[in-house]
Amino acid sequence: MPGSSIHLERHVWPASLPRGTIAYARCPARCKLQRMTALSVNVNKIAVLRNSRGGNDPDVCAAAAAAIRAGCQGITVHPRPDARHIRVADVLALRDRLPSAVELNIEGNPFAEPRPGYPGLLAIVARACPHQVTLVPDGDQQLTSDHGFDPCADATRLAAIVNAMKAHGARVSVFVDASVRELKRFREIGVDRVELYTGPFAAAHAAGTGEASARAYAQVAADALAAGLGVNAGHDLSQANLGEFLACVTPVDEVSIGHALISEALYDGIDQTVKRYLAIIAAATSR
């Protein structure tokens, strides 16, 4: 794999679409165009396993290649200051090897200070030039992302950061909670999309109240659309709950899934697992 490019054997997503284009699928039963939800596979957990032993096994790029061959439309990474999983070298390796039709999404806290081994999110974006940057307010000691930015409290301090990210050609998405309001403030500073933090939905689904929880997310998606923003979603989404979420929340441009997908792939393989997610998305899109 090192030094070679990832070979994409089949494209479920149209390879001819330019960067950042939203694709649509025609539904014969309804005779109209419907927005397709892209699947971005988060490969952080591959790096966790690799780092636990040292070396390069399992290979992050090889795992990404397997997900791409299965049909995913994007790869997500979240390089953290403590390098607990994805490292800067991984980001650059993926940048060099992803097919042009597959989007690279880099997540991170734009306010995390640079330190040895971590040059800061903006510096990483400047080197990698990803298709999308997702801004997440996670602290150094957080086990995982568990809350979003707030337009009222954070728009002013995010404005310069958004402009800097967009200067490197990246679409900018901001992680938000289902309780978020005043989304137009994000649009006013140049934000392109919001990513809905779906951890609470996943917990509600497990408790049997997923549909009620999803209605709050549906309202946020509607508010985002009204504000001129696209909608992504991610965190604790799985094969068990993704269908219910997409049935209630629309439109969703992209779902970013890592922990559950990689966990499921331990039993069924990356190829079959990614294909099952794509089938869930296709079924939700065709309703």
Protein backbone atom coordinates (compact mmCIF):
# COMPACT_ATOMS: atom_id res chain seq x y z
CA MET A 1 0.00 0.00 0.00
CA PRO A 2 2.70 2.61 0.85
CA GLY A 3 3.56 4.78 -2.09
CA SER A 4 0.61 3.58 -4.13
CA SER A 5 -2.78 5.09 -4.72
CA ILE A 6 -5.97 3.58 -3.39
CA HIS A 7 -7.63 1.58 -6.14
CA LEU A 8 -11.34 2.28 -6.43
CA GLU A 9 -12.94 -0.75 -8.06
CA ARG A 10 -16.51 0.47 -8.11
CA HIS A 11 -18.25 3.80 -7.70
CA VAL A 12 -21.65 3.96 -6.08
CA TRP A 13 -21.28 7.76 -5.94
CA PRO A 14 -20.98 9.38 -9.37
CA ALA A 15 -17.26 9.78 -10.05
CA SER A 16 -17.89 12.70 -12.39
CA LEU A 17 -19.32 14.99 -9.70
CA PRO A 18 -17.07 17.93 -8.81
CA ARG A 19 -15.96 18.65 -5.27
CA GLY A 20 -18.77 19.51 -2.87
CA THR A 21 -21.59 18.66 -5.27
CA ILE A 22 -24.77 17.17 -3.82
CA ALA A 23 -25.98 14.22 -5.87
CA TYR A 24 -29.59 13.26 -6.36
CA ALA A 25 -31.31 9.97 -7.13
CA ARG A 26 -34.46 9.73 -9.18
CA CYS A 27 -37.20 7.79 -7.48
CA PRO A 28 -39.38 6.23 -10.23
CA ALA A 29 -42.34 5.79 -7.89
CA ARG A 30 -42.45 9.49 -7.10
CA CYS A 31 -41.00 10.82 -10.37
CA LYS A 32 -38.90 13.39 -8.58
CA LEU A 33 -35.32 13.98 -7.56
CA GLN A 34 -34.33 13.09 -4.02
CA ARG A 35 -31.23 14.09 -2.12
CA MET A 36 -28.78 11.25 -1.55
CA THR A 37 -27.09 10.95 1.82
CA ALA A 38 -23.35 10.32 1.53
CA LEU A 39 -21.57 7.88 3.84
CA SER A 40 -18.23 9.02 5.24
CA VAL A 41 -16.36 6.28 7.10
CA ASN A 42 -14.41 7.43 10.15
CA VAL A 43 -11.19 5.39 10.38
CA ASN A 44 -10.02 6.65 13.79
CA LYS A 45 -10.56 3.26 15.43
CA ILE A 46 -8.24 1.58 12.93
CA ALA A 47 -5.51 3.92 14.18
CA VAL A 48 -6.37 3.14 17.81
CA LEU A 49 -5.72 -0.55 17.20
CA ARG A 50 -2.52 0.17 15.29
CA ASN A 51 -1.20 2.51 17.98
CA SER A 52 -1.84 -0.04 20.72
CA ARG A 53 0.88 -2.26 19.26
CA GLY A 54 3.07 0.08 17.23
CA GLY A 55 4.08 -0.36 13.60
CA ASN A 56 1.55 0.05 10.82
CA ASP A 57 -0.78 -2.88 11.27
CA PRO A 58 -3.68 -2.45 10.74
CA ASP A 59 -3.01 0.09 7.99
CA VAL A 60 -5.30 3.13 8.04
CA CYS A 61 -5.00 3.63 4.28
CA ALA A 62 -5.74 -0.04 3.58
CA ALA A 63 -8.87 0.16 5.75
CA ALA A 64 -9.95 3.31 3.92
CA ALA A 65 -9.36 1.56 0.59
CA ALA A 66 -11.60 -1.34 1.64
CA ALA A 67 -14.39 1.06 2.62
CA ILE A 68 -14.04 2.91 -0.67
CA ARG A 69 -14.16 -0.29 -2.72
CA ALA A 70 -17.41 -1.12 -0.90
CA GLY A 71 -18.88 2.19 -2.06
CA CYS A 72 -18.52 4.84 0.66
CA GLN A 73 -18.28 8.41 -0.57
CA GLY A 74 -15.96 9.86 2.06
CA ILE A 75 -13.33 9.19 4.69
CA THR A 76 -13.34 11.04 8.02
CA VAL A 77 -10.40 11.52 10.41
CA HIS A 78 -10.10 13.40 13.69
CA PRO A 79 -6.46 14.11 14.53
CA ARG A 80 -6.31 15.00 18.22
CA PRO A 81 -3.49 16.83 20.00
CA ASP A 82 -2.58 13.71 22.01
CA ALA A 83 -2.36 11.58 18.82
CA ARG A 84 -4.43 8.89 20.52
CA HIS A 85 -5.51 7.60 17.11
CA ILE A 86 -5.13 9.45 13.80
CA ARG A 87 -1.82 11.25 13.38
CA VAL A 88 -0.85 14.07 11.05
CA ALA A 89 1.09 11.58 8.90
CA ASP A 90 -2.11 9.55 8.44
CA VAL A 91 -4.00 12.62 7.25
CA LEU A 92 -1.35 13.39 4.65
CA ALA A 93 -1.14 9.77 3.52
CA LEU A 94 -4.89 9.67 2.97
CA ARG A 95 -4.75 13.01 1.14
CA ASP A 96 -2.25 11.54 -1.31
CA ARG A 97 -4.11 8.28 -1.90
CA LEU A 98 -7.84 8.99 -1.91
CA PRO A 99 -9.49 8.92 -5.34
CA SER A 100 -10.71 12.32 -6.51
CA ALA A 101 -14.34 11.22 -6.20
CA VAL A 102 -13.97 10.44 -2.48
CA GLU A 103 -14.09 13.29 0.02
CA LEU A 104 -11.66 13.75 2.89
CA ASN A 105 -13.28 15.21 6.01
CA ILE A 106 -11.03 16.42 8.82
CA GLU A 107 -12.60 16.96 12.24
CA GLY A 108 -11.04 18.91 15.07
CA ASN A 109 -11.11 21.65 17.64
CA PRO A 110 -9.87 24.87 16.03
CA PHE A 111 -8.98 26.30 19.45
CA ALA A 112 -6.70 23.44 20.53
CA GLU A 113 -3.19 24.85 20.95
CA PRO A 114 -0.35 23.56 18.76
CA ARG A 115 2.21 21.37 20.51
CA PRO A 116 4.92 18.86 19.55
CA GLY A 117 3.41 16.40 17.08
CA TYR A 118 0.29 18.51 16.61
CA PRO A 119 0.63 21.74 14.62
CA GLY A 120 -2.98 22.80 15.14
CA LEU A 121 -6.09 22.18 13.07
CA LEU A 122 -5.58 25.07 10.66
CA ALA A 123 -2.00 23.99 9.93
CA ILE A 124 -3.20 20.45 9.20
CA VAL A 125 -5.91 21.77 6.89
CA ALA A 126 -3.39 24.01 5.11
CA ARG A 127 -1.23 20.96 4.34
CA ALA A 128 -3.99 18.47 3.54
CA CYS A 129 -6.50 20.73 1.73
CA PRO A 130 -9.48 18.48 2.58
CA HIS A 131 -12.88 18.71 0.93
CA GLN A 132 -14.50 19.40 4.31
CA VAL A 133 -13.48 20.53 7.78
CA THR A 134 -15.78 19.82 10.71
CA LEU A 135 -15.25 22.10 13.71
CA VAL A 136 -15.81 20.31 17.03
CA PRO A 137 -15.45 21.87 20.51
CA ASP A 138 -13.82 18.88 22.20
CA GLY A 139 -11.30 19.38 24.99
CA ASP A 140 -7.97 17.59 25.26
CA GLN A 141 -9.21 15.26 27.99
CA GLN A 142 -12.54 14.31 26.41
CA LEU A 143 -12.93 10.62 25.64
CA THR A 144 -15.06 11.51 22.63
CA SER A 145 -16.99 14.48 21.24
CA ASP A 146 -20.11 15.05 23.32
CA HIS A 147 -21.46 18.52 22.54
CA GLY A 148 -21.54 21.13 19.81
CA PHE A 149 -20.84 24.80 19.20
CA ASP A 150 -23.59 27.34 19.83
CA PRO A 151 -24.27 30.07 17.24
CA CYS A 152 -25.14 32.70 19.83
CA ALA A 153 -22.08 32.08 21.99
CA ASP A 154 -19.53 31.01 19.40
CA ALA A 155 -20.23 32.61 16.00
CA THR A 156 -18.10 35.68 16.63
CA ARG A 157 -14.98 33.77 17.67
CA LEU A 158 -15.44 31.22 14.89
CA ALA A 159 -15.75 33.79 12.07
CA ALA A 160 -12.02 34.23 11.38
CA ILE A 161 -11.43 30.48 11.68
CA VAL A 162 -14.18 29.70 9.15
CA ASN A 163 -12.70 32.19 6.70
CA ALA A 164 -9.22 30.70 7.14
CA MET A 165 -10.49 27.16 6.52
CA LYS A 166 -12.41 28.20 3.43
CA ALA A 167 -9.30 29.97 2.10
CA HIS A 168 -7.78 26.48 1.77
CA GLY A 169 -10.72 25.29 -0.34
CA ALA A 170 -12.56 23.42 2.41
CA ARG A 171 -16.28 23.28 2.96
CA VAL A 172 -16.85 24.11 6.64
CA SER A 173 -19.24 22.19 8.87
CA VAL A 174 -19.85 22.93 12.56
CA PHE A 175 -20.82 20.31 15.15
CA VAL A 176 -24.09 21.26 16.90
CA ASP A 177 -26.57 19.90 19.43
CA ALA A 178 -30.23 19.16 18.73
CA SER A 179 -31.15 22.09 20.96
CA VAL A 180 -29.31 24.62 18.77
CA ARG A 181 -31.07 27.84 17.75
CA GLU A 182 -30.27 30.89 15.61
CA LEU A 183 -28.47 28.87 12.94
CA LYS A 184 -28.56 31.85 10.61
CA ARG A 185 -25.65 33.26 12.63
CA PHE A 186 -23.46 30.42 11.41
CA ARG A 187 -24.51 31.05 7.83
CA GLU A 188 -23.66 34.74 8.22
CA ILE A 189 -20.03 33.91 9.06
CA GLY A 190 -19.67 31.60 6.05
CA VAL A 191 -20.42 28.17 7.54
CA ASP A 192 -21.65 25.73 4.86
CA ARG A 193 -23.13 22.91 6.94
CA VAL A 194 -23.87 21.83 10.47
CA GLU A 195 -23.25 18.33 11.77
CA LEU A 196 -25.92 17.12 14.18
CA TYR A 197 -24.48 15.45 17.28
CA THR A 198 -26.55 12.26 17.31
CA GLY A 199 -25.32 10.70 20.57
CA PRO A 200 -28.55 11.56 22.43
CA PHE A 201 -30.63 10.13 19.58
CA ALA A 202 -28.68 6.86 19.71
CA ALA A 203 -29.29 6.63 23.47
CA ALA A 204 -32.99 7.36 22.98
CA HIS A 205 -33.24 4.73 20.25
CA ALA A 206 -31.67 2.14 22.55
CA ALA A 207 -34.27 3.07 25.18
CA GLY A 208 -37.14 2.71 22.70
CA THR A 209 -37.83 6.43 22.27
CA GLY A 210 -35.84 7.07 19.11
CA GLU A 211 -38.72 8.42 17.03
CA ALA A 212 -39.56 11.11 19.58
CA SER A 213 -35.90 12.09 19.83
CA ALA A 214 -35.52 12.23 16.06
CA ARG A 215 -38.29 14.83 15.82
CA ALA A 216 -36.03 17.35 17.58
CA TYR A 217 -33.31 16.65 15.03
CA ALA A 218 -35.82 16.99 12.21
CA GLN A 219 -36.62 20.50 13.43
CA VAL A 220 -32.93 21.43 13.49
CA ALA A 221 -32.51 20.08 9.95
CA ALA A 222 -35.47 22.17 8.81
CA ASP A 223 -34.05 25.25 10.54
CA ALA A 224 -30.65 24.65 8.95
CA LEU A 225 -32.20 24.34 5.50
CA ALA A 226 -34.14 27.57 6.06
CA ALA A 227 -30.88 29.28 7.06
CA GLY A 228 -29.16 28.11 3.88
CA LEU A 229 -27.07 25.43 5.58
CA GLY A 230 -26.50 21.82 4.62
CA VAL A 231 -26.93 19.07 7.22
CA ASN A 232 -24.53 16.31 8.25
CA ALA A 233 -24.98 13.91 11.16
CA GLY A 234 -22.74 11.75 13.26
CA HIS A 235 -21.88 10.07 16.56
CA ASP A 236 -23.13 6.68 17.74
CA LEU A 237 -25.08 6.06 14.55
CA SER A 238 -25.19 2.35 13.73
CA GLN A 239 -26.97 -0.19 11.57
CA ALA A 240 -29.54 -0.52 14.33
CA ASN A 241 -30.58 3.14 14.45
CA LEU A 242 -29.53 4.81 11.18
CA GLY A 243 -32.68 3.85 9.29
CA GLU A 244 -34.98 5.36 11.92
CA PHE A 245 -32.91 8.54 12.01
CA LEU A 246 -32.93 9.07 8.24
CA ALA A 247 -36.63 8.23 8.06
CA CYS A 248 -37.38 11.13 10.40
CA VAL A 249 -34.66 13.66 9.57
CA THR A 250 -34.40 15.06 6.07
CA PRO A 251 -32.52 16.23 4.17
CA VAL A 252 -29.21 14.86 5.44
CA ASP A 253 -26.27 15.44 3.13
CA GLU A 254 -23.82 13.14 4.91
CA VAL A 255 -23.52 10.75 7.82
CA SER A 256 -20.10 10.18 9.38
CA ILE A 257 -19.86 6.81 11.09
CA GLY A 258 -16.83 5.25 12.75
CA HIS A 259 -17.06 3.49 16.09
CA ALA A 260 -20.10 1.33 15.33
CA LEU A 261 -19.07 0.64 11.73
CA ILE A 262 -15.55 -0.49 12.64
CA SER A 263 -16.91 -2.53 15.58
CA GLU A 264 -19.40 -4.28 13.31
CA ALA A 265 -16.69 -4.82 10.71
CA LEU A 266 -14.70 -6.88 13.22
CA TYR A 267 -17.34 -9.57 12.79
CA ASP A 268 -18.54 -9.09 9.23
CA GLY A 269 -15.67 -7.35 7.45
CA ILE A 270 -15.43 -3.78 6.15
CA ASP A 271 -16.83 -4.62 2.73
CA GLN A 272 -20.08 -6.17 3.92
CA THR A 273 -20.52 -3.65 6.73
CA VAL A 274 -20.17 -0.60 4.46
CA LYS A 275 -22.53 -2.16 1.93
CA ARG A 276 -25.14 -2.70 4.65
CA TYR A 277 -24.92 0.95 5.65
CA LEU A 278 -25.30 2.01 2.03
CA ALA A 279 -28.37 -0.21 1.73
CA ILE A 280 -29.91 1.41 4.82
CA ILE A 281 -29.26 4.85 3.34
CA ALA A 282 -30.68 3.83 -0.04
CA ALA A 283 -33.83 2.45 1.58
CA ALA A 284 -34.33 5.67 3.55
CA THR A 285 -33.76 7.78 0.44
CA SER A 286 -36.32 5.86 -1.61
CA ARG A 287 -39.18 6.34 0.85
